[in-house]
Amino acid sequence: MKKMLGTTVLLMLLYLFASQILEGLFAALFGIKWLGTLIAYALTVFFAYLCIRRYKDNKSFGVCVGDYTDCRPIAGLAFIMLATNLPYFFCTKIHIYPMLFVQCLLIGIMEELIFRGSVYRMTEKKWGENRAILISSVAFGLIHLLNIGDVPLRSTLLQVTYAFAIGLVFAVVRAKSGSILIPVIVHTLVDVLGLAPAKQIFAVDLYGAVISYTMAAAYYAYYLRGKKAGETAAA
């Protein structure tokens, strides 16, 4: 437990601080901000993978293709989460460019390694799958409090709650498939659609939150029903 906690903290520090330091350093060296950002996040993901590789058990962190035999519907339906940001295409200017995809992919990989990888693994071994789903989702929501100051307070608090909901969807997919692959893909696309708009619109964010809450409730109910059915069959 202590070793896993240390790994989780290290991954968090890499993501929150080391990536920002490296981004500034490489941007200054090359004089191109986007290149500094790309190198910084790529190195952060690489170092994070090295931390996980020490355990010689990538599958326990969800770093694998996964098995979708019994969960194809929920894995596929996770892409509905993209609808949370789609209204922006009709409300404001959208700026999508290749570097945005790359940046969001690296951020998606890093956040999934931390929350559906390390945090999930640590809590699952200590308290079981159900609590791992809930705790990793709460942690994912709370990390978005760091956006206070960058966006209005009400938008930040809303983001915290629907990040928890999105995290719950991702965690259920992770639990059923054993992989963070689908969460990484959906996470990346959601971030691209969320960062592309020229401005944030609270009403659109509220709409996205409602979709997230609905999806989270459906996925968690699906998980609990499957868990109960498994327990009944075992008895």
C-alpha atoms as a PDB file:
ATOM      1  CA  MET A   1       0.000   0.000   0.000  1.00  0.00           C
ATOM      2  CA  LYS A   2       2.783   2.432   0.938  1.00  0.00           C
ATOM      3  CA  LYS A   3       4.684   1.670  -2.259  1.00  0.00           C
ATOM      4  CA  MET A   4       1.562   2.208  -4.365  1.00  0.00           C
ATOM      5  CA  LEU A   5       0.771   5.445  -2.536  1.00  0.00           C
ATOM      6  CA  GLY A   6       4.289   6.649  -3.262  1.00  0.00           C
ATOM      7  CA  THR A   7       3.868   5.781  -6.946  1.00  0.00           C
ATOM      8  CA  THR A   8       0.528   7.595  -7.100  1.00  0.00           C
ATOM      9  CA  VAL A   9       1.968  10.718  -5.471  1.00  0.00           C
ATOM     10  CA  LEU A  10       4.969  10.605  -7.811  1.00  0.00           C
ATOM     11  CA  LEU A  11       2.718  10.359 -10.874  1.00  0.00           C
ATOM     12  CA  MET A  12       0.661  13.295  -9.594  1.00  0.00           C
ATOM     13  CA  LEU A  13       3.770  15.413  -9.040  1.00  0.00           C
ATOM     14  CA  LEU A  14       5.049  14.547 -12.510  1.00  0.00           C
ATOM     15  CA  TYR A  15       1.747  15.614 -14.020  1.00  0.00           C
ATOM     16  CA  LEU A  16       1.098  18.766 -12.000  1.00  0.00           C
ATOM     17  CA  PHE A  17       4.589  20.200 -11.624  1.00  0.00           C
ATOM     18  CA  ALA A  18       7.276  18.450 -13.658  1.00  0.00           C
ATOM     19  CA  SER A  19       5.292  18.794 -16.889  1.00  0.00           C
ATOM     20  CA  GLN A  20       4.851  22.537 -16.315  1.00  0.00           C
ATOM     21  CA  ILE A  21       8.547  23.046 -15.547  1.00  0.00           C
ATOM     22  CA  LEU A  22       9.590  21.038 -18.598  1.00  0.00           C
ATOM     23  CA  GLU A  23       7.086  22.896 -20.756  1.00  0.00           C
ATOM     24  CA  GLY A  24       8.591  26.261 -19.802  1.00  0.00           C
ATOM     25  CA  LEU A  25      12.139  24.952 -20.197  1.00  0.00           C
ATOM     26  CA  PHE A  26      11.663  23.485 -23.673  1.00  0.00           C
ATOM     27  CA  ALA A  27       9.589  26.430 -24.831  1.00  0.00           C
ATOM     28  CA  ALA A  28      12.481  28.722 -23.829  1.00  0.00           C
ATOM     29  CA  LEU A  29      15.067  26.463 -25.498  1.00  0.00           C
ATOM     30  CA  PHE A  30      13.272  26.097 -28.803  1.00  0.00           C
ATOM     31  CA  GLY A  31      11.385  29.386 -28.799  1.00  0.00           C
ATOM     32  CA  ILE A  32       8.199  27.557 -29.843  1.00  0.00           C
ATOM     33  CA  LYS A  33       5.560  27.107 -27.157  1.00  0.00           C
ATOM     34  CA  TRP A  34       3.678  24.217 -28.786  1.00  0.00           C
ATOM     35  CA  LEU A  35       6.901  22.240 -29.246  1.00  0.00           C
ATOM     36  CA  GLY A  36       7.816  22.788 -25.592  1.00  0.00           C
ATOM     37  CA  THR A  37       4.351  21.593 -24.572  1.00  0.00           C
ATOM     38  CA  LEU A  38       4.578  18.493 -26.754  1.00  0.00           C
ATOM     39  CA  ILE A  39       8.022  17.466 -25.486  1.00  0.00           C
ATOM     40  CA  ALA A  40       7.094  18.160 -21.859  1.00  0.00           C
ATOM     41  CA  TYR A  41       3.942  16.038 -21.894  1.00  0.00           C
ATOM     42  CA  ALA A  42       5.595  13.255 -23.922  1.00  0.00           C
ATOM     43  CA  LEU A  43       8.426  13.027 -21.381  1.00  0.00           C
ATOM     44  CA  THR A  44       5.952  13.110 -18.500  1.00  0.00           C
ATOM     45  CA  VAL A  45       4.010  10.183 -19.974  1.00  0.00           C
ATOM     46  CA  PHE A  46       7.289   8.310 -20.582  1.00  0.00           C
ATOM     47  CA  PHE A  47       8.457   8.792 -16.988  1.00  0.00           C
ATOM     48  CA  ALA A  48       5.027   7.773 -15.713  1.00  0.00           C
ATOM     49  CA  TYR A  49       5.213   4.554 -17.728  1.00  0.00           C
ATOM     50  CA  LEU A  50       8.653   3.828 -16.275  1.00  0.00           C
ATOM     51  CA  CYS A  51       7.185   4.204 -12.773  1.00  0.00           C
ATOM     52  CA  ILE A  52       4.461   1.687 -13.582  1.00  0.00           C
ATOM     53  CA  ARG A  53       6.799  -0.695 -15.386  1.00  0.00           C
ATOM     54  CA  ARG A  54       8.735  -1.263 -12.150  1.00  0.00           C
ATOM     55  CA  TYR A  55       5.837  -3.407 -10.937  1.00  0.00           C
ATOM     56  CA  LYS A  56       6.184  -5.742 -13.954  1.00  0.00           C
ATOM     57  CA  ASP A  57       2.397  -6.009 -14.033  1.00  0.00           C
ATOM     58  CA  ASN A  58       1.032  -3.525 -16.565  1.00  0.00           C
ATOM     59  CA  LYS A  59      -2.371  -5.218 -16.643  1.00  0.00           C
ATOM     60  CA  SER A  60      -3.051  -4.373 -13.004  1.00  0.00           C
ATOM     61  CA  PHE A  61      -2.733  -0.698 -13.997  1.00  0.00           C
ATOM     62  CA  GLY A  62      -5.059  -1.187 -16.955  1.00  0.00           C
ATOM     63  CA  VAL A  63      -2.175  -0.754 -19.422  1.00  0.00           C
ATOM     64  CA  CYS A  64      -3.356  -3.407 -21.861  1.00  0.00           C
ATOM     65  CA  VAL A  65      -5.903  -3.894 -24.635  1.00  0.00           C
ATOM     66  CA  GLY A  66      -8.407  -5.427 -22.237  1.00  0.00           C
ATOM     67  CA  ASP A  67     -11.204  -7.975 -22.610  1.00  0.00           C
ATOM     68  CA  TYR A  68     -14.504  -6.573 -23.895  1.00  0.00           C
ATOM     69  CA  THR A  69     -16.327  -9.894 -24.275  1.00  0.00           C
ATOM     70  CA  ASP A  70     -18.881  -9.070 -21.584  1.00  0.00           C
ATOM     71  CA  CYS A  71     -18.878  -5.294 -21.822  1.00  0.00           C
ATOM     72  CA  ARG A  72     -18.972  -4.271 -25.486  1.00  0.00           C
ATOM     73  CA  PRO A  73     -22.186  -2.229 -25.067  1.00  0.00           C
ATOM     74  CA  ILE A  74     -20.899  -0.070 -22.200  1.00  0.00           C
ATOM     75  CA  ALA A  75     -17.492   0.314 -23.840  1.00  0.00           C
ATOM     76  CA  GLY A  76     -19.126   1.570 -27.030  1.00  0.00           C
ATOM     77  CA  LEU A  77     -21.745   3.716 -25.314  1.00  0.00           C
ATOM     78  CA  ALA A  78     -18.969   5.541 -23.439  1.00  0.00           C
ATOM     79  CA  PHE A  79     -18.488   7.558 -26.634  1.00  0.00           C
ATOM     80  CA  ILE A  80     -21.833   9.249 -25.893  1.00  0.00           C
ATOM     81  CA  MET A  81     -19.779  11.359 -23.475  1.00  0.00           C
ATOM     82  CA  LEU A  82     -18.596  13.308 -26.533  1.00  0.00           C
ATOM     83  CA  ALA A  83     -22.075  14.834 -26.659  1.00  0.00           C
ATOM     84  CA  THR A  84     -21.248  16.849 -23.532  1.00  0.00           C
ATOM     85  CA  ASN A  85     -19.316  19.416 -25.586  1.00  0.00           C
ATOM     86  CA  LEU A  86     -20.957  19.130 -29.011  1.00  0.00           C
ATOM     87  CA  PRO A  87     -23.241  22.206 -28.532  1.00  0.00           C
ATOM     88  CA  TYR A  88     -20.125  24.375 -28.657  1.00  0.00           C
ATOM     89  CA  PHE A  89     -20.007  23.721 -32.404  1.00  0.00           C
ATOM     90  CA  PHE A  90     -23.223  25.708 -32.736  1.00  0.00           C
ATOM     91  CA  CYS A  91     -22.581  28.399 -30.108  1.00  0.00           C
ATOM     92  CA  THR A  92     -19.094  29.778 -30.714  1.00  0.00           C
ATOM     93  CA  LYS A  93     -16.028  29.548 -32.922  1.00  0.00           C
ATOM     94  CA  ILE A  94     -14.126  26.272 -32.802  1.00  0.00           C
ATOM     95  CA  HIS A  95     -10.374  25.991 -33.202  1.00  0.00           C
ATOM     96  CA  ILE A  96      -9.224  22.399 -33.781  1.00  0.00           C
ATOM     97  CA  TYR A  97      -5.655  21.824 -34.936  1.00  0.00           C
ATOM     98  CA  PRO A  98      -3.260  18.826 -34.918  1.00  0.00           C
ATOM     99  CA  MET A  99      -1.317  19.918 -31.837  1.00  0.00           C
ATOM    100  CA  LEU A 100      -4.553  20.103 -29.849  1.00  0.00           C
ATOM    101  CA  PHE A 101      -5.174  16.417 -30.559  1.00  0.00           C
ATOM    102  CA  VAL A 102      -1.630  15.481 -29.555  1.00  0.00           C
ATOM    103  CA  GLN A 103      -1.728  17.563 -26.378  1.00  0.00           C
ATOM    104  CA  CYS A 104      -5.131  16.174 -25.361  1.00  0.00           C
ATOM    105  CA  LEU A 105      -3.969  12.614 -26.097  1.00  0.00           C
ATOM    106  CA  LEU A 106      -0.943  12.984 -23.822  1.00  0.00           C
ATOM    107  CA  ILE A 107      -3.077  14.602 -21.099  1.00  0.00           C
ATOM    108  CA  GLY A 108      -5.671  11.830 -21.464  1.00  0.00           C
ATOM    109  CA  ILE A 109      -3.020   9.120 -21.169  1.00  0.00           C
ATOM    110  CA  MET A 110      -1.462  10.765 -18.125  1.00  0.00           C
ATOM    111  CA  GLU A 111      -4.735  11.330 -16.262  1.00  0.00           C
ATOM    112  CA  GLU A 112      -5.951   7.803 -16.989  1.00  0.00           C
ATOM    113  CA  LEU A 113      -2.638   6.341 -15.805  1.00  0.00           C
ATOM    114  CA  ILE A 114      -3.048   8.273 -12.561  1.00  0.00           C
ATOM    115  CA  PHE A 115      -6.756   7.851 -11.790  1.00  0.00           C
ATOM    116  CA  ARG A 116      -7.960   4.683 -13.583  1.00  0.00           C
ATOM    117  CA  GLY A 117      -4.468   3.219 -13.359  1.00  0.00           C
ATOM    118  CA  SER A 118      -2.611   3.936 -10.135  1.00  0.00           C
ATOM    119  CA  VAL A 119      -5.389   5.278  -7.850  1.00  0.00           C
ATOM    120  CA  TYR A 120      -7.790   2.560  -9.013  1.00  0.00           C
ATOM    121  CA  ARG A 121      -5.220  -0.220  -8.514  1.00  0.00           C
ATOM    122  CA  MET A 122      -4.213   1.010  -5.070  1.00  0.00           C
ATOM    123  CA  THR A 123      -7.777   1.315  -3.751  1.00  0.00           C
ATOM    124  CA  GLU A 124      -8.957  -1.909  -5.383  1.00  0.00           C
ATOM    125  CA  LYS A 125      -6.256  -3.921  -3.620  1.00  0.00           C
ATOM    126  CA  LYS A 126      -7.083  -2.258  -0.298  1.00  0.00           C
ATOM    127  CA  TRP A 127     -10.888  -1.978  -0.373  1.00  0.00           C
ATOM    128  CA  GLY A 128     -12.187  -3.819  -3.427  1.00  0.00           C
ATOM    129  CA  GLU A 129     -13.520  -2.970  -6.879  1.00  0.00           C
ATOM    130  CA  ASN A 130     -16.614  -0.986  -5.878  1.00  0.00           C
ATOM    131  CA  ARG A 131     -14.703   1.453  -3.679  1.00  0.00           C
ATOM    132  CA  ALA A 132     -11.963   1.694  -6.285  1.00  0.00           C
ATOM    133  CA  ILE A 133     -14.541   2.905  -8.804  1.00  0.00           C
ATOM    134  CA  LEU A 134     -15.925   5.513  -6.401  1.00  0.00           C
ATOM    135  CA  ILE A 135     -12.644   6.732  -4.887  1.00  0.00           C
ATOM    136  CA  SER A 136     -10.828   7.073  -8.225  1.00  0.00           C
ATOM    137  CA  SER A 137     -13.804   9.034  -9.570  1.00  0.00           C
ATOM    138  CA  VAL A 138     -13.940  11.366  -6.560  1.00  0.00           C
ATOM    139  CA  ALA A 139     -10.186  11.971  -6.851  1.00  0.00           C
ATOM    140  CA  PHE A 140     -10.575  12.739 -10.565  1.00  0.00           C
ATOM    141  CA  GLY A 141     -13.311  15.242  -9.795  1.00  0.00           C
ATOM    142  CA  LEU A 142     -11.407  16.959  -6.997  1.00  0.00           C
ATOM    143  CA  ILE A 143      -8.249  17.458  -9.087  1.00  0.00           C
ATOM    144  CA  HIS A 144     -10.272  19.861 -11.234  1.00  0.00           C
ATOM    145  CA  LEU A 145     -10.435  22.263  -8.276  1.00  0.00           C
ATOM    146  CA  LEU A 146      -6.999  23.338  -9.490  1.00  0.00           C
ATOM    147  CA  ASN A 147      -8.795  25.205 -12.275  1.00  0.00           C
ATOM    148  CA  ILE A 148     -10.010  27.794  -9.764  1.00  0.00           C
ATOM    149  CA  GLY A 149      -8.706  31.130 -10.959  1.00  0.00           C
ATOM    150  CA  ASP A 150      -8.510  30.059 -14.592  1.00  0.00           C
ATOM    151  CA  VAL A 151     -12.284  29.945 -15.021  1.00  0.00           C
ATOM    152  CA  PRO A 152     -15.197  31.378 -12.981  1.00  0.00           C
ATOM    153  CA  LEU A 153     -15.815  29.638  -9.642  1.00  0.00           C
ATOM    154  CA  ARG A 154     -19.248  28.308 -10.617  1.00  0.00           C
ATOM    155  CA  SER A 155     -17.773  26.787 -13.774  1.00  0.00           C
ATOM    156  CA  THR A 156     -14.986  25.153 -11.768  1.00  0.00           C
ATOM    157  CA  LEU A 157     -17.403  23.644  -9.240  1.00  0.00           C
ATOM    158  CA  LEU A 158     -19.607  22.372 -12.052  1.00  0.00           C
ATOM    159  CA  GLN A 159     -16.551  20.899 -13.724  1.00  0.00           C
ATOM    160  CA  VAL A 160     -15.614  19.084 -10.508  1.00  0.00           C
ATOM    161  CA  THR A 161     -19.018  17.395 -10.331  1.00  0.00           C
ATOM    162  CA  TYR A 162     -19.218  16.313 -13.945  1.00  0.00           C
ATOM    163  CA  ALA A 163     -15.564  15.233 -13.937  1.00  0.00           C
ATOM    164  CA  PHE A 164     -16.584  12.900 -11.102  1.00  0.00           C
ATOM    165  CA  ALA A 165     -19.465  11.629 -13.262  1.00  0.00           C
ATOM    166  CA  ILE A 166     -17.239  11.110 -16.306  1.00  0.00           C
ATOM    167  CA  GLY A 167     -14.680   9.418 -14.062  1.00  0.00           C
ATOM    168  CA  LEU A 168     -17.378   7.043 -12.833  1.00  0.00           C
ATOM    169  CA  VAL A 169     -18.204   6.017 -16.415  1.00  0.00           C
ATOM    170  CA  PHE A 170     -14.518   5.485 -17.185  1.00  0.00           C
ATOM    171  CA  ALA A 171     -13.961   3.539 -13.962  1.00  0.00           C
ATOM    172  CA  VAL A 172     -16.828   1.137 -14.695  1.00  0.00           C
ATOM    173  CA  VAL A 173     -15.409   0.502 -18.179  1.00  0.00           C
ATOM    174  CA  ARG A 174     -11.997  -0.026 -16.572  1.00  0.00           C
ATOM    175  CA  ALA A 175     -13.458  -2.461 -14.028  1.00  0.00           C
ATOM    176  CA  LYS A 176     -15.364  -4.515 -16.604  1.00  0.00           C
ATOM    177  CA  SER A 177     -12.681  -4.569 -19.331  1.00  0.00           C
ATOM    178  CA  GLY A 178      -9.519  -4.440 -17.222  1.00  0.00           C
ATOM    179  CA  SER A 179      -8.155  -1.711 -19.497  1.00  0.00           C
ATOM    180  CA  ILE A 180      -7.821   2.080 -19.640  1.00  0.00           C
ATOM    181  CA  LEU A 181      -7.766   2.030 -23.467  1.00  0.00           C
ATOM    182  CA  ILE A 182     -11.378   3.149 -24.066  1.00  0.00           C
ATOM    183  CA  PRO A 183     -11.174   5.748 -21.263  1.00  0.00           C
ATOM    184  CA  VAL A 184      -8.016   7.205 -22.846  1.00  0.00           C
ATOM    185  CA  ILE A 185      -9.660   7.487 -26.276  1.00  0.00           C
ATOM    186  CA  VAL A 186     -12.909   9.014 -25.007  1.00  0.00           C
ATOM    187  CA  HIS A 187     -11.051  11.256 -22.547  1.00  0.00           C
ATOM    188  CA  THR A 188      -8.877  12.596 -25.365  1.00  0.00           C
ATOM    189  CA  LEU A 189     -11.824  13.374 -27.638  1.00  0.00           C
ATOM    190  CA  VAL A 190     -13.838  14.981 -24.817  1.00  0.00           C
ATOM    191  CA  ASP A 191     -10.871  17.223 -24.004  1.00  0.00           C
ATOM    192  CA  VAL A 192     -10.394  18.179 -27.669  1.00  0.00           C
ATOM    193  CA  LEU A 193     -14.030  19.234 -27.918  1.00  0.00           C
ATOM    194  CA  GLY A 194     -13.776  21.017 -24.557  1.00  0.00           C
ATOM    195  CA  LEU A 195     -10.613  22.985 -25.367  1.00  0.00           C
ATOM    196  CA  ALA A 196     -11.489  23.831 -28.979  1.00  0.00           C
ATOM    197  CA  PRO A 197     -14.178  26.494 -28.290  1.00  0.00           C
ATOM    198  CA  ALA A 198     -13.066  30.129 -28.387  1.00  0.00           C
ATOM    199  CA  LYS A 199     -14.936  30.774 -25.112  1.00  0.00           C
ATOM    200  CA  GLN A 200     -16.635  28.820 -22.355  1.00  0.00           C
ATOM    201  CA  ILE A 201     -20.423  29.026 -22.057  1.00  0.00           C
ATOM    202  CA  PHE A 202     -21.904  28.066 -18.690  1.00  0.00           C
ATOM    203  CA  ALA A 203     -25.217  26.879 -20.166  1.00  0.00           C
ATOM    204  CA  VAL A 204     -23.364  24.451 -22.445  1.00  0.00           C
ATOM    205  CA  ASP A 205     -21.286  23.207 -19.519  1.00  0.00           C
ATOM    206  CA  LEU A 206     -24.508  22.705 -17.539  1.00  0.00           C
ATOM    207  CA  TYR A 207     -25.979  20.704 -20.419  1.00  0.00           C
ATOM    208  CA  GLY A 208     -22.820  18.592 -20.503  1.00  0.00           C
ATOM    209  CA  ALA A 209     -23.042  18.032 -16.765  1.00  0.00           C
ATOM    210  CA  VAL A 210     -26.620  16.700 -17.047  1.00  0.00           C
ATOM    211  CA  ILE A 211     -25.521  14.195 -19.721  1.00  0.00           C
ATOM    212  CA  SER A 212     -22.567  13.164 -17.551  1.00  0.00           C
ATOM    213  CA  TYR A 213     -24.736  12.671 -14.447  1.00  0.00           C
ATOM    214  CA  THR A 214     -27.229  10.587 -16.437  1.00  0.00           C
ATOM    215  CA  MET A 215     -24.523   8.412 -17.949  1.00  0.00           C
ATOM    216  CA  ALA A 216     -22.798   7.959 -14.582  1.00  0.00           C
ATOM    217  CA  ALA A 217     -26.030   6.890 -12.884  1.00  0.00           C
ATOM    218  CA  ALA A 218     -26.784   4.393 -15.670  1.00  0.00           C
ATOM    219  CA  TYR A 219     -23.273   2.933 -15.669  1.00  0.00           C
ATOM    220  CA  TYR A 220     -23.062   2.588 -11.910  1.00  0.00           C
ATOM    221  CA  ALA A 221     -26.501   0.961 -11.788  1.00  0.00           C
ATOM    222  CA  TYR A 222     -25.319  -1.447 -14.509  1.00  0.00           C
ATOM    223  CA  TYR A 223     -22.213  -2.231 -12.488  1.00  0.00           C
ATOM    224  CA  LEU A 224     -24.152  -2.839  -9.247  1.00  0.00           C
ATOM    225  CA  ARG A 225     -26.683  -5.051 -11.023  1.00  0.00           C
ATOM    226  CA  GLY A 226     -23.882  -7.143 -12.517  1.00  0.00           C
ATOM    227  CA  LYS A 227     -22.129  -7.346  -9.154  1.00  0.00           C
ATOM    228  CA  LYS A 228     -25.323  -8.495  -7.435  1.00  0.00           C
ATOM    229  CA  ALA A 229     -25.996 -11.073 -10.146  1.00  0.00           C
ATOM    230  CA  GLY A 230     -22.462 -12.415  -9.755  1.00  0.00           C
ATOM    231  CA  GLU A 231     -22.841 -12.720  -5.990  1.00  0.00           C
ATOM    232  CA  THR A 232     -26.200 -14.471  -6.386  1.00  0.00           C
ATOM    233  CA  ALA A 233     -24.745 -16.964  -8.878  1.00  0.00           C
ATOM    234  CA  ALA A 234     -21.777 -17.633  -6.585  1.00  0.00           C
ATOM    235  CA  ALA A 235     -24.105 -18.321  -3.663  1.00  0.00           C
END
